[in-house]
Amino acid sequence: MLDFQLMGSLHTIYRKQVLDTDLQSAWEFISSPANLDAITPEDMQFSIVSEVPEKMYDGLMIEYLVQIPLIGKQSWLSEIKYIQDGKSFVDDQRIGPYKFWLHYHEVSEVAEGIQFIDKIIYSLPLGPIGSIAHVFYVKNKLKYIFDYRAAAMDKLFDPSNPTA
C-alpha cells in the first residue's frame, strides 16, 4: 500500500508490508545501514559515501550519493535518531534534494508475520516549480522506488528463497 497525501506543502507517503519472517531478523535487516543498497533501484546510482557501522545508533550521520535527473549526482546526508531498539527509528535528511524529508521506519509482530511500516513526510524546494515537479515526476519516482523496495523485501525474506 502506498498512499500520498498533501498537507499544505508537505506530502506524506505511507507504506505497509507484511513478510514471513521473525522480529529479530527484520530488525537486524532494517537497522543495518548497509542494507539500504540491497533495496534501492540500480538506476538511482545510489552509493553510501560515509563509513557505516554494522548497526545504527542515535545521532549516526550517513552520507549517500544519489542520481537526480537533470541535476546529476547529489549528496544526501541523513541523521538516524529516535531509535526504539527492535521497533522503530527515524532517518532525517539534513542535506539533500528535498526541502524537508523525515522517514519513520517500524517493525512489529502481527498474526501473518512481521509488519514493516514506512511513513515519510517531505516537501520539495523551489515553491511552484517544486509542486509541478512533484505532480509530473517526483510522486511517480517515489512510487517506483517504494514498489521496488517492496519487491526486493519480498524476495529477501521469502522463506522458499535459498539465499533468504
N, C-alpha and C. Protein backbone atom coordinates (compact mmCIF):
# COMPACT_ATOMS: atom_id res chain seq x y z
N MET A 1 0.85 -1.18 0.00
CA MET A 1 0.00 0.00 0.00
C MET A 1 0.89 1.23 0.00
N LEU A 2 0.65 2.13 -0.93
CA LEU A 2 1.38 3.39 -0.99
C LEU A 2 0.35 4.48 -1.05
N ASP A 3 0.41 5.41 -0.12
CA ASP A 3 -0.60 6.44 -0.01
C ASP A 3 0.08 7.80 0.00
N PHE A 4 -0.23 8.64 -0.97
CA PHE A 4 0.28 10.01 -1.00
C PHE A 4 -0.82 10.92 -0.50
N GLN A 5 -0.48 11.82 0.37
CA GLN A 5 -1.44 12.83 0.83
C GLN A 5 -0.74 14.17 0.83
N LEU A 6 -1.49 15.20 0.59
CA LEU A 6 -0.95 16.55 0.60
C LEU A 6 -1.41 17.26 1.86
N MET A 7 -0.46 17.80 2.62
CA MET A 7 -0.77 18.56 3.83
C MET A 7 -0.10 19.93 3.65
N GLY A 8 -0.82 20.87 3.01
CA GLY A 8 -0.18 22.13 2.69
C GLY A 8 0.93 21.85 1.70
N SER A 9 2.14 22.28 2.01
CA SER A 9 3.27 21.99 1.12
C SER A 9 3.98 20.70 1.51
N LEU A 10 3.46 20.01 2.51
CA LEU A 10 4.04 18.74 2.93
C LEU A 10 3.27 17.59 2.29
N HIS A 11 4.02 16.60 1.85
CA HIS A 11 3.43 15.39 1.28
C HIS A 11 3.76 14.24 2.22
N THR A 12 2.91 13.23 2.23
CA THR A 12 3.20 12.05 3.04
C THR A 12 3.08 10.79 2.18
N ILE A 13 3.89 9.84 2.53
CA ILE A 13 3.81 8.50 1.93
C ILE A 13 3.64 7.55 3.10
N TYR A 14 2.73 6.62 2.97
CA TYR A 14 2.55 5.59 3.97
C TYR A 14 2.62 4.24 3.26
N ARG A 15 3.51 3.40 3.74
CA ARG A 15 3.69 2.08 3.13
C ARG A 15 3.65 1.03 4.24
N LYS A 16 2.89 -0.03 4.01
CA LYS A 16 2.82 -1.14 4.97
C LYS A 16 3.03 -2.43 4.20
N GLN A 17 3.84 -3.32 4.77
CA GLN A 17 4.14 -4.60 4.14
C GLN A 17 4.29 -5.65 5.23
N VAL A 18 3.70 -6.81 5.02
CA VAL A 18 3.82 -7.91 5.97
C VAL A 18 4.62 -9.02 5.29
N LEU A 19 5.66 -9.48 6.01
CA LEU A 19 6.53 -10.53 5.47
C LEU A 19 6.63 -11.70 6.44
N ASP A 20 6.89 -12.85 5.89
CA ASP A 20 7.02 -14.08 6.67
C ASP A 20 8.45 -14.18 7.21
N THR A 21 8.67 -13.55 8.35
CA THR A 21 9.97 -13.58 9.00
C THR A 21 9.76 -13.41 10.49
N ASP A 22 10.84 -13.25 11.23
CA ASP A 22 10.72 -13.03 12.66
C ASP A 22 11.20 -11.61 12.98
N LEU A 23 10.84 -11.13 14.14
CA LEU A 23 11.13 -9.76 14.52
C LEU A 23 12.63 -9.49 14.58
N GLN A 24 13.41 -10.40 15.10
CA GLN A 24 14.86 -10.19 15.20
C GLN A 24 15.49 -10.05 13.81
N SER A 25 15.12 -10.93 12.88
CA SER A 25 15.67 -10.84 11.52
C SER A 25 15.26 -9.54 10.84
N ALA A 26 14.01 -9.15 11.01
CA ALA A 26 13.51 -7.91 10.41
C ALA A 26 14.28 -6.71 10.96
N TRP A 27 14.42 -6.66 12.29
CA TRP A 27 15.11 -5.53 12.90
C TRP A 27 16.59 -5.50 12.50
N GLU A 28 17.23 -6.66 12.50
CA GLU A 28 18.64 -6.71 12.10
C GLU A 28 18.82 -6.18 10.68
N PHE A 29 17.87 -6.50 9.81
CA PHE A 29 17.98 -6.03 8.43
C PHE A 29 17.82 -4.51 8.35
N ILE A 30 16.73 -3.98 8.92
CA ILE A 30 16.49 -2.53 8.74
C ILE A 30 17.41 -1.67 9.60
N SER A 31 18.01 -2.23 10.64
CA SER A 31 18.89 -1.42 11.48
C SER A 31 20.35 -1.43 11.01
N SER A 32 20.62 -2.12 9.91
CA SER A 32 21.95 -2.11 9.32
C SER A 32 21.95 -1.16 8.12
N PRO A 33 22.59 0.00 8.25
CA PRO A 33 22.57 0.99 7.16
C PRO A 33 23.05 0.45 5.82
N ALA A 34 23.97 -0.49 5.82
CA ALA A 34 24.50 -1.02 4.56
C ALA A 34 23.43 -1.75 3.75
N ASN A 35 22.37 -2.22 4.39
CA ASN A 35 21.33 -2.96 3.68
C ASN A 35 20.46 -2.09 2.78
N LEU A 36 20.54 -0.77 2.93
CA LEU A 36 19.74 0.11 2.09
C LEU A 36 20.08 -0.10 0.61
N ASP A 37 21.33 -0.40 0.34
CA ASP A 37 21.76 -0.63 -1.05
C ASP A 37 21.00 -1.80 -1.68
N ALA A 38 20.69 -2.82 -0.89
CA ALA A 38 20.04 -4.03 -1.41
C ALA A 38 18.59 -3.79 -1.81
N ILE A 39 17.99 -2.71 -1.35
CA ILE A 39 16.57 -2.45 -1.65
C ILE A 39 16.38 -1.13 -2.41
N THR A 40 17.45 -0.65 -3.04
CA THR A 40 17.40 0.60 -3.82
C THR A 40 17.60 0.28 -5.30
N PRO A 41 16.74 0.84 -6.16
CA PRO A 41 16.89 0.57 -7.59
C PRO A 41 18.26 0.99 -8.12
N GLU A 42 18.82 0.15 -8.99
CA GLU A 42 20.15 0.41 -9.55
C GLU A 42 20.22 1.71 -10.34
N ASP A 43 19.13 2.08 -11.00
CA ASP A 43 19.17 3.29 -11.83
C ASP A 43 19.26 4.58 -11.02
N MET A 44 19.15 4.49 -9.71
CA MET A 44 19.36 5.68 -8.87
C MET A 44 20.85 5.94 -8.66
N GLN A 45 21.68 5.00 -9.08
CA GLN A 45 23.13 5.09 -8.90
C GLN A 45 23.45 5.51 -7.46
N PHE A 46 22.81 4.81 -6.53
CA PHE A 46 22.92 5.08 -5.11
C PHE A 46 24.23 4.51 -4.56
N SER A 47 24.91 5.28 -3.75
CA SER A 47 26.10 4.76 -3.07
C SER A 47 26.24 5.42 -1.70
N ILE A 48 26.69 4.63 -0.75
CA ILE A 48 26.95 5.14 0.59
C ILE A 48 28.38 5.65 0.59
N VAL A 49 28.56 6.92 0.94
CA VAL A 49 29.87 7.57 0.91
C VAL A 49 30.59 7.42 2.24
N SER A 50 29.87 7.59 3.33
CA SER A 50 30.49 7.56 4.65
C SER A 50 30.68 6.12 5.14
N GLU A 51 31.58 5.96 6.09
CA GLU A 51 31.74 4.67 6.75
C GLU A 51 30.49 4.43 7.61
N VAL A 52 29.96 3.22 7.54
CA VAL A 52 28.78 2.92 8.35
C VAL A 52 29.05 1.71 9.24
N PRO A 53 28.57 1.77 10.46
CA PRO A 53 28.73 0.62 11.35
C PRO A 53 27.76 -0.49 10.95
N GLU A 54 27.96 -1.68 11.52
CA GLU A 54 27.04 -2.78 11.25
C GLU A 54 25.64 -2.46 11.74
N LYS A 55 25.55 -1.74 12.86
CA LYS A 55 24.26 -1.41 13.44
C LYS A 55 24.20 0.09 13.70
N MET A 56 23.07 0.67 13.41
CA MET A 56 22.91 2.11 13.59
C MET A 56 22.83 2.49 15.08
N TYR A 57 22.99 3.77 15.33
CA TYR A 57 22.86 4.33 16.68
C TYR A 57 22.32 5.75 16.57
N ASP A 58 21.71 6.24 17.66
CA ASP A 58 21.18 7.61 17.67
C ASP A 58 22.28 8.60 17.35
N GLY A 59 21.99 9.49 16.41
CA GLY A 59 22.95 10.51 16.02
C GLY A 59 23.86 10.10 14.88
N LEU A 60 23.73 8.87 14.39
CA LEU A 60 24.56 8.43 13.27
C LEU A 60 24.26 9.28 12.05
N MET A 61 25.30 9.83 11.44
CA MET A 61 25.16 10.60 10.21
C MET A 61 25.66 9.73 9.06
N ILE A 62 24.85 9.60 8.02
CA ILE A 62 25.20 8.78 6.86
C ILE A 62 25.10 9.64 5.61
N GLU A 63 26.18 9.63 4.83
CA GLU A 63 26.17 10.38 3.58
C GLU A 63 26.05 9.42 2.41
N TYR A 64 25.14 9.75 1.50
CA TYR A 64 24.90 8.97 0.29
C TYR A 64 25.11 9.88 -0.92
N LEU A 65 25.28 9.27 -2.07
CA LEU A 65 25.19 9.98 -3.34
C LEU A 65 24.04 9.33 -4.10
N VAL A 66 23.17 10.16 -4.69
CA VAL A 66 22.06 9.67 -5.50
C VAL A 66 22.03 10.44 -6.81
N GLN A 67 21.56 9.78 -7.85
CA GLN A 67 21.44 10.40 -9.16
C GLN A 67 20.10 11.12 -9.24
N ILE A 68 20.13 12.42 -9.52
CA ILE A 68 18.91 13.21 -9.69
C ILE A 68 18.84 13.61 -11.18
N PRO A 69 17.76 13.23 -11.88
CA PRO A 69 17.66 13.58 -13.30
C PRO A 69 17.81 15.09 -13.52
N LEU A 70 18.51 15.44 -14.57
CA LEU A 70 18.77 16.81 -14.99
C LEU A 70 19.72 17.57 -14.06
N ILE A 71 20.02 17.00 -12.91
CA ILE A 71 20.91 17.66 -11.94
C ILE A 71 22.22 16.91 -11.82
N GLY A 72 22.16 15.59 -11.84
CA GLY A 72 23.35 14.76 -11.67
C GLY A 72 23.42 14.19 -10.26
N LYS A 73 24.61 13.79 -9.88
CA LYS A 73 24.81 13.20 -8.55
C LYS A 73 24.63 14.27 -7.47
N GLN A 74 23.90 13.93 -6.44
CA GLN A 74 23.68 14.85 -5.33
C GLN A 74 23.97 14.14 -4.02
N SER A 75 24.58 14.87 -3.12
CA SER A 75 24.86 14.36 -1.79
C SER A 75 23.57 14.39 -0.97
N TRP A 76 23.40 13.36 -0.15
CA TRP A 76 22.25 13.28 0.75
C TRP A 76 22.82 12.87 2.10
N LEU A 77 22.62 13.69 3.10
CA LEU A 77 23.10 13.41 4.45
C LEU A 77 21.91 13.18 5.36
N SER A 78 21.85 12.01 5.98
CA SER A 78 20.76 11.66 6.89
C SER A 78 21.29 11.46 8.29
N GLU A 79 20.47 11.84 9.25
CA GLU A 79 20.77 11.56 10.66
C GLU A 79 19.78 10.51 11.15
N ILE A 80 20.29 9.47 11.78
CA ILE A 80 19.45 8.43 12.38
C ILE A 80 19.15 8.85 13.82
N LYS A 81 17.87 8.80 14.17
CA LYS A 81 17.50 9.22 15.53
C LYS A 81 16.21 8.56 15.99
N TYR A 82 15.91 8.78 17.25
CA TYR A 82 14.70 8.25 17.88
C TYR A 82 14.60 6.73 17.77
N ILE A 83 15.73 6.05 17.93
CA ILE A 83 15.73 4.59 17.83
C ILE A 83 15.05 3.98 19.05
N GLN A 84 14.07 3.12 18.79
CA GLN A 84 13.48 2.26 19.82
C GLN A 84 13.90 0.85 19.40
N ASP A 85 14.93 0.34 20.08
CA ASP A 85 15.55 -0.92 19.66
C ASP A 85 14.52 -2.02 19.45
N GLY A 86 14.62 -2.66 18.29
CA GLY A 86 13.72 -3.75 17.95
C GLY A 86 12.36 -3.30 17.47
N LYS A 87 12.15 -1.97 17.35
CA LYS A 87 10.83 -1.47 17.00
C LYS A 87 10.83 -0.40 15.91
N SER A 88 11.55 0.71 16.12
CA SER A 88 11.43 1.81 15.16
C SER A 88 12.62 2.76 15.21
N PHE A 89 12.72 3.59 14.18
CA PHE A 89 13.71 4.67 14.14
C PHE A 89 13.28 5.67 13.06
N VAL A 90 13.96 6.80 13.06
CA VAL A 90 13.70 7.85 12.08
C VAL A 90 15.00 8.19 11.37
N ASP A 91 14.92 8.37 10.05
CA ASP A 91 16.05 8.99 9.37
C ASP A 91 15.57 10.35 8.87
N ASP A 92 16.37 11.35 9.18
CA ASP A 92 16.03 12.75 8.94
C ASP A 92 17.06 13.34 7.97
N GLN A 93 16.60 13.76 6.79
CA GLN A 93 17.52 14.37 5.83
C GLN A 93 18.04 15.68 6.41
N ARG A 94 19.35 15.78 6.50
CA ARG A 94 19.98 17.02 6.96
C ARG A 94 20.39 17.88 5.78
N ILE A 95 20.89 17.24 4.72
CA ILE A 95 21.26 17.90 3.47
C ILE A 95 20.81 16.97 2.35
N GLY A 96 20.18 17.52 1.33
CA GLY A 96 19.77 16.66 0.23
C GLY A 96 18.82 17.35 -0.72
N PRO A 97 18.20 16.56 -1.58
CA PRO A 97 17.37 17.12 -2.64
C PRO A 97 16.02 17.67 -2.19
N TYR A 98 15.58 17.28 -1.00
CA TYR A 98 14.28 17.73 -0.52
C TYR A 98 14.43 18.93 0.41
N LYS A 99 13.40 19.75 0.43
CA LYS A 99 13.39 20.86 1.39
C LYS A 99 13.25 20.28 2.80
N PHE A 100 12.45 19.21 2.90
CA PHE A 100 12.22 18.52 4.18
C PHE A 100 11.97 17.05 3.87
N TRP A 101 12.59 16.16 4.64
CA TRP A 101 12.39 14.71 4.48
C TRP A 101 12.57 14.06 5.83
N LEU A 102 11.52 13.42 6.33
CA LEU A 102 11.57 12.69 7.59
C LEU A 102 10.95 11.32 7.33
N HIS A 103 11.72 10.26 7.59
CA HIS A 103 11.28 8.90 7.25
C HIS A 103 11.25 8.06 8.53
N TYR A 104 10.06 7.65 8.92
CA TYR A 104 9.84 6.81 10.09
C TYR A 104 9.74 5.36 9.64
N HIS A 105 10.52 4.47 10.29
CA HIS A 105 10.54 3.04 9.99
C HIS A 105 10.07 2.29 11.24
N GLU A 106 9.22 1.29 11.06
CA GLU A 106 8.75 0.50 12.20
C GLU A 106 8.59 -0.96 11.79
N VAL A 107 8.92 -1.86 12.72
CA VAL A 107 8.63 -3.28 12.55
C VAL A 107 7.84 -3.75 13.77
N SER A 108 6.88 -4.64 13.53
CA SER A 108 6.09 -5.18 14.64
C SER A 108 5.54 -6.54 14.25
N GLU A 109 5.25 -7.34 15.26
CA GLU A 109 4.68 -8.66 15.02
C GLU A 109 3.18 -8.54 14.78
N VAL A 110 2.70 -9.25 13.78
CA VAL A 110 1.28 -9.38 13.50
C VAL A 110 1.01 -10.87 13.27
N ALA A 111 -0.24 -11.25 13.19
CA ALA A 111 -0.59 -12.67 13.05
C ALA A 111 0.07 -13.32 11.83
N GLU A 112 0.21 -12.57 10.74
CA GLU A 112 0.74 -13.13 9.49
C GLU A 112 2.26 -13.11 9.41
N GLY A 113 2.94 -12.50 10.36
CA GLY A 113 4.40 -12.40 10.32
C GLY A 113 4.89 -11.10 10.92
N ILE A 114 5.71 -10.39 10.17
CA ILE A 114 6.25 -9.12 10.64
C ILE A 114 5.77 -8.02 9.71
N GLN A 115 5.25 -6.98 10.32
CA GLN A 115 4.75 -5.83 9.57
C GLN A 115 5.83 -4.74 9.55
N PHE A 116 6.15 -4.29 8.35
CA PHE A 116 7.08 -3.18 8.15
C PHE A 116 6.24 -1.96 7.80
N ILE A 117 6.48 -0.86 8.47
CA ILE A 117 5.78 0.39 8.16
C ILE A 117 6.81 1.46 7.84
N ASP A 118 6.57 2.17 6.76
CA ASP A 118 7.34 3.35 6.39
C ASP A 118 6.36 4.50 6.31
N LYS A 119 6.68 5.59 6.99
CA LYS A 119 5.91 6.82 6.86
C LYS A 119 6.90 7.94 6.59
N ILE A 120 6.71 8.62 5.46
CA ILE A 120 7.61 9.67 5.05
C ILE A 120 6.81 10.96 4.94
N ILE A 121 7.36 12.01 5.50
CA ILE A 121 6.80 13.35 5.35
C ILE A 121 7.88 14.15 4.64
N TYR A 122 7.51 14.80 3.55
CA TYR A 122 8.51 15.51 2.76
C TYR A 122 7.91 16.72 2.08
N SER A 123 8.79 17.64 1.71
CA SER A 123 8.39 18.75 0.85
C SER A 123 9.54 19.03 -0.11
N LEU A 124 9.20 19.64 -1.21
CA LEU A 124 10.18 19.94 -2.25
C LEU A 124 10.57 21.41 -2.21
N PRO A 125 11.78 21.69 -2.65
CA PRO A 125 12.20 23.09 -2.75
C PRO A 125 11.58 23.76 -3.99
N LEU A 126 11.85 25.01 -4.18
CA LEU A 126 11.52 25.77 -5.38
C LEU A 126 10.05 26.13 -5.55
N GLY A 127 9.28 26.14 -4.46
CA GLY A 127 7.90 26.62 -4.50
C GLY A 127 7.07 25.99 -5.60
N PRO A 128 6.48 26.83 -6.50
CA PRO A 128 5.61 26.31 -7.54
C PRO A 128 6.31 25.36 -8.51
N ILE A 129 7.59 25.58 -8.76
CA ILE A 129 8.34 24.67 -9.64
C ILE A 129 8.45 23.29 -8.98
N GLY A 130 8.70 23.27 -7.67
CA GLY A 130 8.74 22.01 -6.94
C GLY A 130 7.39 21.31 -6.96
N SER A 131 6.31 22.08 -6.86
CA SER A 131 4.96 21.50 -6.90
C SER A 131 4.68 20.86 -8.25
N ILE A 132 5.08 21.52 -9.31
CA ILE A 132 4.90 20.96 -10.66
C ILE A 132 5.76 19.69 -10.82
N ALA A 133 7.00 19.77 -10.34
CA ALA A 133 7.89 18.60 -10.42
C ALA A 133 7.30 17.43 -9.65
N HIS A 134 6.65 17.71 -8.52
CA HIS A 134 6.03 16.65 -7.73
C HIS A 134 4.94 15.95 -8.52
N VAL A 135 4.07 16.72 -9.13
CA VAL A 135 2.94 16.16 -9.88
C VAL A 135 3.42 15.32 -11.06
N PHE A 136 4.40 15.85 -11.81
CA PHE A 136 4.80 15.20 -13.05
C PHE A 136 5.96 14.22 -12.93
N TYR A 137 6.70 14.26 -11.82
CA TYR A 137 7.86 13.37 -11.74
C TYR A 137 8.07 12.75 -10.36
N VAL A 138 8.22 13.58 -9.34
CA VAL A 138 8.67 13.10 -8.02
C VAL A 138 7.72 12.06 -7.44
N LYS A 139 6.43 12.33 -7.48
CA LYS A 139 5.45 11.39 -6.91
C LYS A 139 5.57 10.02 -7.57
N ASN A 140 5.69 10.01 -8.91
CA ASN A 140 5.83 8.73 -9.62
C ASN A 140 7.16 8.06 -9.34
N LYS A 141 8.23 8.83 -9.22
CA LYS A 141 9.55 8.27 -8.91
C LYS A 141 9.55 7.64 -7.52
N LEU A 142 8.94 8.31 -6.55
CA LEU A 142 8.87 7.74 -5.20
C LEU A 142 8.04 6.47 -5.18
N LYS A 143 6.95 6.43 -5.95
CA LYS A 143 6.15 5.20 -6.05
C LYS A 143 7.01 4.07 -6.62
N TYR A 144 7.76 4.37 -7.67
CA TYR A 144 8.65 3.39 -8.27
C TYR A 144 9.68 2.87 -7.25
N ILE A 145 10.28 3.77 -6.49
CA ILE A 145 11.29 3.39 -5.50
C ILE A 145 10.69 2.50 -4.43
N PHE A 146 9.54 2.87 -3.90
CA PHE A 146 8.94 2.07 -2.83
C PHE A 146 8.32 0.77 -3.36
N ASP A 147 7.86 0.75 -4.59
CA ASP A 147 7.43 -0.52 -5.19
C ASP A 147 8.63 -1.46 -5.35
N TYR A 148 9.75 -0.90 -5.79
CA TYR A 148 10.98 -1.69 -5.93
C TYR A 148 11.39 -2.26 -4.57
N ARG A 149 11.37 -1.42 -3.56
CA ARG A 149 11.74 -1.87 -2.20
C ARG A 149 10.84 -2.99 -1.73
N ALA A 150 9.54 -2.87 -1.96
CA ALA A 150 8.61 -3.92 -1.54
C ALA A 150 8.93 -5.25 -2.22
N ALA A 151 9.19 -5.19 -3.52
CA ALA A 151 9.54 -6.41 -4.26
C ALA A 151 10.87 -6.99 -3.76
N ALA A 152 11.84 -6.12 -3.51
CA ALA A 152 13.15 -6.59 -3.01
C ALA A 152 13.00 -7.21 -1.63
N MET A 153 12.19 -6.61 -0.78
CA MET A 153 11.97 -7.17 0.57
C MET A 153 11.24 -8.51 0.47
N ASP A 154 10.25 -8.60 -0.41
CA ASP A 154 9.56 -9.89 -0.62
C ASP A 154 10.56 -10.98 -0.98
N LYS A 155 11.46 -10.66 -1.88
CA LYS A 155 12.45 -11.63 -2.33
C LYS A 155 13.45 -11.97 -1.22
N LEU A 156 13.94 -10.94 -0.51
CA LEU A 156 14.92 -11.16 0.55
C LEU A 156 14.38 -12.00 1.71
N PHE A 157 13.09 -11.82 2.01
CA PHE A 157 12.51 -12.52 3.16
C PHE A 157 11.63 -13.70 2.75
N ASP A 158 11.70 -14.12 1.49
CA ASP A 158 10.92 -15.27 1.01
C ASP A 158 11.52 -16.54 1.59
N PRO A 159 10.76 -17.27 2.43
CA PRO A 159 11.31 -18.49 3.04
C PRO A 159 11.68 -19.58 2.04
N SER A 160 11.12 -19.52 0.81
CA SER A 160 11.47 -20.53 -0.19
C SER A 160 12.72 -20.14 -0.97
N ASN A 161 13.22 -18.92 -0.76
CA ASN A 161 14.43 -18.44 -1.43
C ASN A 161 15.65 -18.95 -0.65
N PRO A 162 16.50 -19.75 -1.27
CA PRO A 162 17.64 -20.32 -0.52
C PRO A 162 18.64 -19.28 -0.03
N THR A 163 18.64 -18.08 -0.61
CA THR A 163 19.56 -17.04 -0.15
C THR A 163 18.92 -16.15 0.91
N ALA A 164 17.64 -16.37 1.23
CA ALA A 164 16.95 -15.54 2.23
C ALA A 164 17.41 -15.88 3.62
